[in-house]
PDB file of N, CA and C in Angstrom:
ATOM      1  N   MET A   1       0.847  -1.168   0.000  1.00  0.00           N
ATOM      2  CA  MET A   1       0.000   0.000   0.000  1.00  0.00           C
ATOM      3  C   MET A   1       0.895   1.234   0.000  1.00  0.00           C
ATOM      4  N   LYS A   2       0.723   2.066  -0.990  1.00  0.00           N
ATOM      5  CA  LYS A   2       1.525   3.278  -1.101  1.00  0.00           C
ATOM      6  C   LYS A   2       0.708   4.490  -0.687  1.00  0.00           C
ATOM      7  N   ILE A   3       1.326   5.358   0.070  1.00  0.00           N
ATOM      8  CA  ILE A   3       0.686   6.593   0.507  1.00  0.00           C
ATOM      9  C   ILE A   3       1.115   7.693  -0.465  1.00  0.00           C
ATOM     10  N   PRO A   4       0.148   8.365  -1.098  1.00  0.00           N
ATOM     11  CA  PRO A   4       0.521   9.439  -2.012  1.00  0.00           C
ATOM     12  C   PRO A   4       1.280  10.540  -1.270  1.00  0.00           C
ATOM     13  N   LEU A   5       2.402  10.945  -1.820  1.00  0.00           N
ATOM     14  CA  LEU A   5       3.230  11.974  -1.211  1.00  0.00           C
ATOM     15  C   LEU A   5       2.449  13.266  -1.006  1.00  0.00           C
ATOM     16  N   GLU A   6       1.576  13.601  -1.950  1.00  0.00           N
ATOM     17  CA  GLU A   6       0.787  14.828  -1.836  1.00  0.00           C
ATOM     18  C   GLU A   6      -0.095  14.797  -0.584  1.00  0.00           C
ATOM     19  N   LYS A   7      -0.588  13.615  -0.259  1.00  0.00           N
ATOM     20  CA  LYS A   7      -1.461  13.465   0.910  1.00  0.00           C
ATOM     21  C   LYS A   7      -0.688  13.801   2.189  1.00  0.00           C
ATOM     22  N   LEU A   8       0.563  13.393   2.240  1.00  0.00           N
ATOM     23  CA  LEU A   8       1.394  13.707   3.404  1.00  0.00           C
ATOM     24  C   LEU A   8       1.757  15.183   3.445  1.00  0.00           C
ATOM     25  N   ILE A   9       2.101  15.728   2.300  1.00  0.00           N
ATOM     26  CA  ILE A   9       2.515  17.131   2.223  1.00  0.00           C
ATOM     27  C   ILE A   9       1.361  18.063   2.542  1.00  0.00           C
ATOM     28  N   ASP A  10       0.192  17.765   2.013  1.00  0.00           N
ATOM     29  CA  ASP A  10      -0.965  18.644   2.175  1.00  0.00           C
ATOM     30  C   ASP A  10      -1.668  18.487   3.518  1.00  0.00           C
ATOM     31  N   ASN A  11      -1.276  17.507   4.302  1.00  0.00           N
ATOM     32  CA  ASN A  11      -1.940  17.259   5.569  1.00  0.00           C
ATOM     33  C   ASN A  11      -1.622  18.386   6.548  1.00  0.00           C
ATOM     34  N   ASP A  12      -2.668  18.969   7.122  1.00  0.00           N
ATOM     35  CA  ASP A  12      -2.462  20.073   8.057  1.00  0.00           C
ATOM     36  C   ASP A  12      -2.823  19.708   9.492  1.00  0.00           C
ATOM     37  N   SER A  13      -2.954  18.411   9.766  1.00  0.00           N
ATOM     38  CA  SER A  13      -3.275  17.987  11.132  1.00  0.00           C
ATOM     39  C   SER A  13      -2.000  17.945  11.969  1.00  0.00           C
ATOM     40  N   ASN A  14      -2.176  17.706  13.236  1.00  0.00           N
ATOM     41  CA  ASN A  14      -1.061  17.619  14.164  1.00  0.00           C
ATOM     42  C   ASN A  14      -0.303  16.317  13.890  1.00  0.00           C
ATOM     43  N   VAL A  15       0.898  16.431  13.360  1.00  0.00           N
ATOM     44  CA  VAL A  15       1.676  15.262  12.966  1.00  0.00           C
ATOM     45  C   VAL A  15       2.041  14.405  14.178  1.00  0.00           C
ATOM     46  N   TYR A  16       2.335  15.047  15.284  1.00  0.00           N
ATOM     47  CA  TYR A  16       2.678  14.304  16.500  1.00  0.00           C
ATOM     48  C   TYR A  16       1.506  13.430  16.941  1.00  0.00           C
ATOM     49  N   GLU A  17       0.310  14.016  16.987  1.00  0.00           N
ATOM     50  CA  GLU A  17      -0.867  13.250  17.397  1.00  0.00           C
ATOM     51  C   GLU A  17      -1.142  12.111  16.433  1.00  0.00           C
ATOM     52  N   MET A  18      -1.040  12.399  15.133  1.00  0.00           N
ATOM     53  CA  MET A  18      -1.292  11.360  14.139  1.00  0.00           C
ATOM     54  C   MET A  18      -0.276  10.223  14.292  1.00  0.00           C
ATOM     55  N   THR A  19       0.964  10.563  14.571  1.00  0.00           N
ATOM     56  CA  THR A  19       1.995   9.547  14.758  1.00  0.00           C
ATOM     57  C   THR A  19       1.690   8.692  15.979  1.00  0.00           C
ATOM     58  N   CYS A  20       1.293   9.319  17.073  1.00  0.00           N
ATOM     59  CA  CYS A  20       0.945   8.568  18.292  1.00  0.00           C
ATOM     60  C   CYS A  20      -0.223   7.624  18.036  1.00  0.00           C
ATOM     61  N   VAL A  21      -1.226   8.118  17.350  1.00  0.00           N
ATOM     62  CA  VAL A  21      -2.391   7.296  17.022  1.00  0.00           C
ATOM     63  C   VAL A  21      -1.975   6.128  16.124  1.00  0.00           C
ATOM     64  N   ALA A  22      -1.160   6.412  15.122  1.00  0.00           N
ATOM     65  CA  ALA A  22      -0.721   5.365  14.191  1.00  0.00           C
ATOM     66  C   ALA A  22       0.100   4.300  14.912  1.00  0.00           C
ATOM     67  N   ILE A  23       0.956   4.712  15.828  1.00  0.00           N
ATOM     68  CA  ILE A  23       1.780   3.751  16.569  1.00  0.00           C
ATOM     69  C   ILE A  23       0.890   2.851  17.425  1.00  0.00           C
ATOM     70  N   LYS A  24      -0.068   3.446  18.119  1.00  0.00           N
ATOM     71  CA  LYS A  24      -0.952   2.647  18.973  1.00  0.00           C
ATOM     72  C   LYS A  24      -1.818   1.705  18.142  1.00  0.00           C
ATOM     73  N   GLU A  25      -2.334   2.211  17.031  1.00  0.00           N
ATOM     74  CA  GLU A  25      -3.178   1.375  16.173  1.00  0.00           C
ATOM     75  C   GLU A  25      -2.357   0.236  15.554  1.00  0.00           C
ATOM     76  N   ALA A  26      -1.138   0.532  15.128  1.00  0.00           N
ATOM     77  CA  ALA A  26      -0.266  -0.500  14.546  1.00  0.00           C
ATOM     78  C   ALA A  26       0.071  -1.564  15.591  1.00  0.00           C
ATOM     79  N   ASP A  27       0.249  -1.145  16.826  1.00  0.00           N
ATOM     80  CA  ASP A  27       0.524  -2.084  17.902  1.00  0.00           C
ATOM     81  C   ASP A  27      -0.661  -3.026  18.105  1.00  0.00           C
ATOM     82  N   ILE A  28      -1.867  -2.472  18.057  1.00  0.00           N
ATOM     83  CA  ILE A  28      -3.084  -3.286  18.192  1.00  0.00           C
ATOM     84  C   ILE A  28      -3.181  -4.272  17.027  1.00  0.00           C
ATOM     85  N   TYR A  29      -2.960  -3.773  15.809  1.00  0.00           N
ATOM     86  CA  TYR A  29      -3.038  -4.642  14.628  1.00  0.00           C
ATOM     87  C   TYR A  29      -2.020  -5.774  14.715  1.00  0.00           C
ATOM     88  N   SER A  30      -0.811  -5.459  15.185  1.00  0.00           N
ATOM     89  CA  SER A  30       0.256  -6.454  15.244  1.00  0.00           C
ATOM     90  C   SER A  30      -0.082  -7.602  16.179  1.00  0.00           C
ATOM     91  N   ALA A  31      -0.899  -7.318  17.183  1.00  0.00           N
ATOM     92  CA  ALA A  31      -1.240  -8.331  18.177  1.00  0.00           C
ATOM     93  C   ALA A  31      -2.495  -9.121  17.819  1.00  0.00           C
ATOM     94  N   THR A  32      -3.063  -8.858  16.646  1.00  0.00           N
ATOM     95  CA  THR A  32      -4.305  -9.534  16.263  1.00  0.00           C
ATOM     96  C   THR A  32      -4.150 -10.196  14.892  1.00  0.00           C
ATOM     97  N   ASP A  33      -5.182 -10.905  14.513  1.00  0.00           N
ATOM     98  CA  ASP A  33      -5.187 -11.539  13.195  1.00  0.00           C
ATOM     99  C   ASP A  33      -5.236 -10.500  12.072  1.00  0.00           C
ATOM    100  N   THR A  34      -5.713  -9.317  12.375  1.00  0.00           N
ATOM    101  CA  THR A  34      -5.758  -8.254  11.363  1.00  0.00           C
ATOM    102  C   THR A  34      -4.364  -7.975  10.831  1.00  0.00           C
ATOM    103  N   GLY A  35      -3.392  -7.911  11.717  1.00  0.00           N
ATOM    104  CA  GLY A  35      -2.008  -7.678  11.311  1.00  0.00           C
ATOM    105  C   GLY A  35      -1.480  -8.800  10.436  1.00  0.00           C
ATOM    106  N   LYS A  36      -1.821 -10.023  10.789  1.00  0.00           N
ATOM    107  CA  LYS A  36      -1.379 -11.172   9.988  1.00  0.00           C
ATOM    108  C   LYS A  36      -2.010 -11.137   8.602  1.00  0.00           C
ATOM    109  N   ASP A  37      -3.272 -10.734   8.531  1.00  0.00           N
ATOM    110  CA  ASP A  37      -3.961 -10.627   7.245  1.00  0.00           C
ATOM    111  C   ASP A  37      -3.310  -9.549   6.366  1.00  0.00           C
ATOM    112  N   ILE A  38      -2.977  -8.427   6.976  1.00  0.00           N
ATOM    113  CA  ILE A  38      -2.336  -7.330   6.228  1.00  0.00           C
ATOM    114  C   ILE A  38      -1.002  -7.796   5.669  1.00  0.00           C
ATOM    115  N   GLU A  39      -0.196  -8.440   6.513  1.00  0.00           N
ATOM    116  CA  GLU A  39       1.117  -8.914   6.067  1.00  0.00           C
ATOM    117  C   GLU A  39       0.986 -10.026   5.026  1.00  0.00           C
ATOM    118  N   ALA A  40      -0.046 -10.857   5.143  1.00  0.00           N
ATOM    119  CA  ALA A  40      -0.262 -11.937   4.170  1.00  0.00           C
ATOM    120  C   ALA A  40      -0.554 -11.367   2.781  1.00  0.00           C
ATOM    121  N   ARG A  41      -1.167 -10.177   2.737  1.00  0.00           N
ATOM    122  CA  ARG A  41      -1.436  -9.508   1.448  1.00  0.00           C
ATOM    123  C   ARG A  41      -0.185  -8.836   0.885  1.00  0.00           C
ATOM    124  N   GLY A  42       0.887  -8.816   1.687  1.00  0.00           N
ATOM    125  CA  GLY A  42       2.125  -8.186   1.230  1.00  0.00           C
ATOM    126  C   GLY A  42       2.219  -6.712   1.604  1.00  0.00           C
ATOM    127  N   ASP A  43       1.276  -6.234   2.408  1.00  0.00           N
ATOM    128  CA  ASP A  43       1.298  -4.844   2.849  1.00  0.00           C
ATOM    129  C   ASP A  43       2.025  -4.741   4.186  1.00  0.00           C
ATOM    130  N   LYS A  44       2.351  -3.528   4.550  1.00  0.00           N
ATOM    131  CA  LYS A  44       2.983  -3.246   5.835  1.00  0.00           C
ATOM    132  C   LYS A  44       1.946  -2.638   6.762  1.00  0.00           C
ATOM    133  N   ILE A  45       1.944  -3.073   8.004  1.00  0.00           N
ATOM    134  CA  ILE A  45       0.954  -2.607   8.971  1.00  0.00           C
ATOM    135  C   ILE A  45       1.020  -1.096   9.147  1.00  0.00           C
ATOM    136  N   VAL A  46       2.215  -0.555   9.288  1.00  0.00           N
ATOM    137  CA  VAL A  46       2.353   0.889   9.504  1.00  0.00           C
ATOM    138  C   VAL A  46       1.824   1.670   8.307  1.00  0.00           C
ATOM    139  N   SER A  47       2.061   1.201   7.104  1.00  0.00           N
ATOM    140  CA  SER A  47       1.551   1.883   5.915  1.00  0.00           C
ATOM    141  C   SER A  47       0.030   1.883   5.883  1.00  0.00           C
ATOM    142  N   VAL A  48      -0.567   0.747   6.233  1.00  0.00           N
ATOM    143  CA  VAL A  48      -2.025   0.651   6.251  1.00  0.00           C
ATOM    144  C   VAL A  48      -2.601   1.599   7.302  1.00  0.00           C
ATOM    145  N   VAL A  49      -2.010   1.599   8.486  1.00  0.00           N
ATOM    146  CA  VAL A  49      -2.501   2.449   9.568  1.00  0.00           C
ATOM    147  C   VAL A  49      -2.314   3.927   9.235  1.00  0.00           C
ATOM    148  N   LEU A  50      -1.172   4.281   8.693  1.00  0.00           N
ATOM    149  CA  LEU A  50      -0.929   5.686   8.336  1.00  0.00           C
ATOM    150  C   LEU A  50      -1.901   6.148   7.255  1.00  0.00           C
ATOM    151  N   THR A  51      -2.178   5.297   6.294  1.00  0.00           N
ATOM    152  CA  THR A  51      -3.150   5.633   5.253  1.00  0.00           C
ATOM    153  C   THR A  51      -4.524   5.858   5.877  1.00  0.00           C
ATOM    154  N   ARG A  52      -4.912   4.980   6.802  1.00  0.00           N
ATOM    155  CA  ARG A  52      -6.202   5.157   7.489  1.00  0.00           C
ATOM    156  C   ARG A  52      -6.228   6.461   8.275  1.00  0.00           C
ATOM    157  N   ALA A  53      -5.118   6.797   8.926  1.00  0.00           N
ATOM    158  CA  ALA A  53      -5.053   8.045   9.696  1.00  0.00           C
ATOM    159  C   ALA A  53      -5.158   9.252   8.772  1.00  0.00           C
ATOM    160  N   LEU A  54      -4.468   9.217   7.647  1.00  0.00           N
ATOM    161  CA  LEU A  54      -4.513  10.327   6.692  1.00  0.00           C
ATOM    162  C   LEU A  54      -5.895  10.478   6.062  1.00  0.00           C
ATOM    163  N   ASN A  55      -6.622   9.381   5.954  1.00  0.00           N
ATOM    164  CA  ASN A  55      -7.969   9.424   5.382  1.00  0.00           C
ATOM    165  C   ASN A  55      -9.042   9.647   6.447  1.00  0.00           C
ATOM    166  N   ASN A  56      -8.599   9.981   7.653  1.00  0.00           N
ATOM    167  CA  ASN A  56      -9.513  10.222   8.782  1.00  0.00           C
ATOM    168  C   ASN A  56     -10.429   9.042   9.062  1.00  0.00           C
ATOM    169  N   GLU A  57      -9.918   7.831   8.902  1.00  0.00           N
ATOM    170  CA  GLU A  57     -10.692   6.625   9.160  1.00  0.00           C
ATOM    171  C   GLU A  57     -10.500   6.107  10.582  1.00  0.00           C
ATOM    172  N   ILE A  58      -9.591   6.719  11.329  1.00  0.00           N
ATOM    173  CA  ILE A  58      -9.340   6.321  12.706  1.00  0.00           C
ATOM    174  C   ILE A  58      -9.861   7.444  13.595  1.00  0.00           C
ATOM    175  N   GLU A  59     -10.784   7.097  14.469  1.00  0.00           N
ATOM    176  CA  GLU A  59     -11.338   8.093  15.366  1.00  0.00           C
ATOM    177  C   GLU A  59     -10.550   8.099  16.676  1.00  0.00           C
ATOM    178  N   TYR A  60     -10.203   9.274  17.129  1.00  0.00           N
ATOM    179  CA  TYR A  60      -9.514   9.407  18.407  1.00  0.00           C
ATOM    180  C   TYR A  60      -9.843  10.768  19.008  1.00  0.00           C
ATOM    181  N   THR A  61      -9.665  10.845  20.296  1.00  0.00           N
ATOM    182  CA  THR A  61      -9.896  12.115  20.962  1.00  0.00           C
ATOM    183  C   THR A  61      -8.553  12.732  21.307  1.00  0.00           C
ATOM    184  N   GLU A  62      -8.530  14.035  21.251  1.00  0.00           N
ATOM    185  CA  GLU A  62      -7.307  14.770  21.507  1.00  0.00           C
ATOM    186  C   GLU A  62      -6.974  14.662  22.985  1.00  0.00           C
ATOM    187  N   GLY A  63      -5.752  14.250  23.287  1.00  0.00           N
ATOM    188  CA  GLY A  63      -5.331  14.134  24.670  1.00  0.00           C
ATOM    189  C   GLY A  63      -4.759  15.439  25.187  1.00  0.00           C
ATOM    190  N   LYS A  64      -4.754  15.553  26.487  1.00  0.00           N
ATOM    191  CA  LYS A  64      -4.168  16.742  27.118  1.00  0.00           C
ATOM    192  C   LYS A  64      -2.859  16.331  27.770  1.00  0.00           C
ATOM    193  N   SER A  65      -1.815  17.089  27.512  1.00  0.00           N
ATOM    194  CA  SER A  65      -0.532  16.776  28.143  1.00  0.00           C
ATOM    195  C   SER A  65      -0.477  17.435  29.519  1.00  0.00           C
ATOM    196  N   LYS A  66       0.250  16.793  30.400  1.00  0.00           N
ATOM    197  CA  LYS A  66       0.345  17.296  31.777  1.00  0.00           C
ATOM    198  C   LYS A  66       1.487  18.269  31.914  1.00  0.00           C
TER     199      LYS A  66
END
């Protein structure tokens, strides 16, 4: 799964938050059959999760730092 470069460049969301969300989601995928299915298709889990994050397919709430 390839992420269009324009999608990354044009993204105006908080990159730090998106990265945190992607890392947590990728960790969840890696521990389940979903991750195995993604890898069986020849895709990378992080690429799939990042694409979902860029397409606003992952819902999360903004956290507050202490």
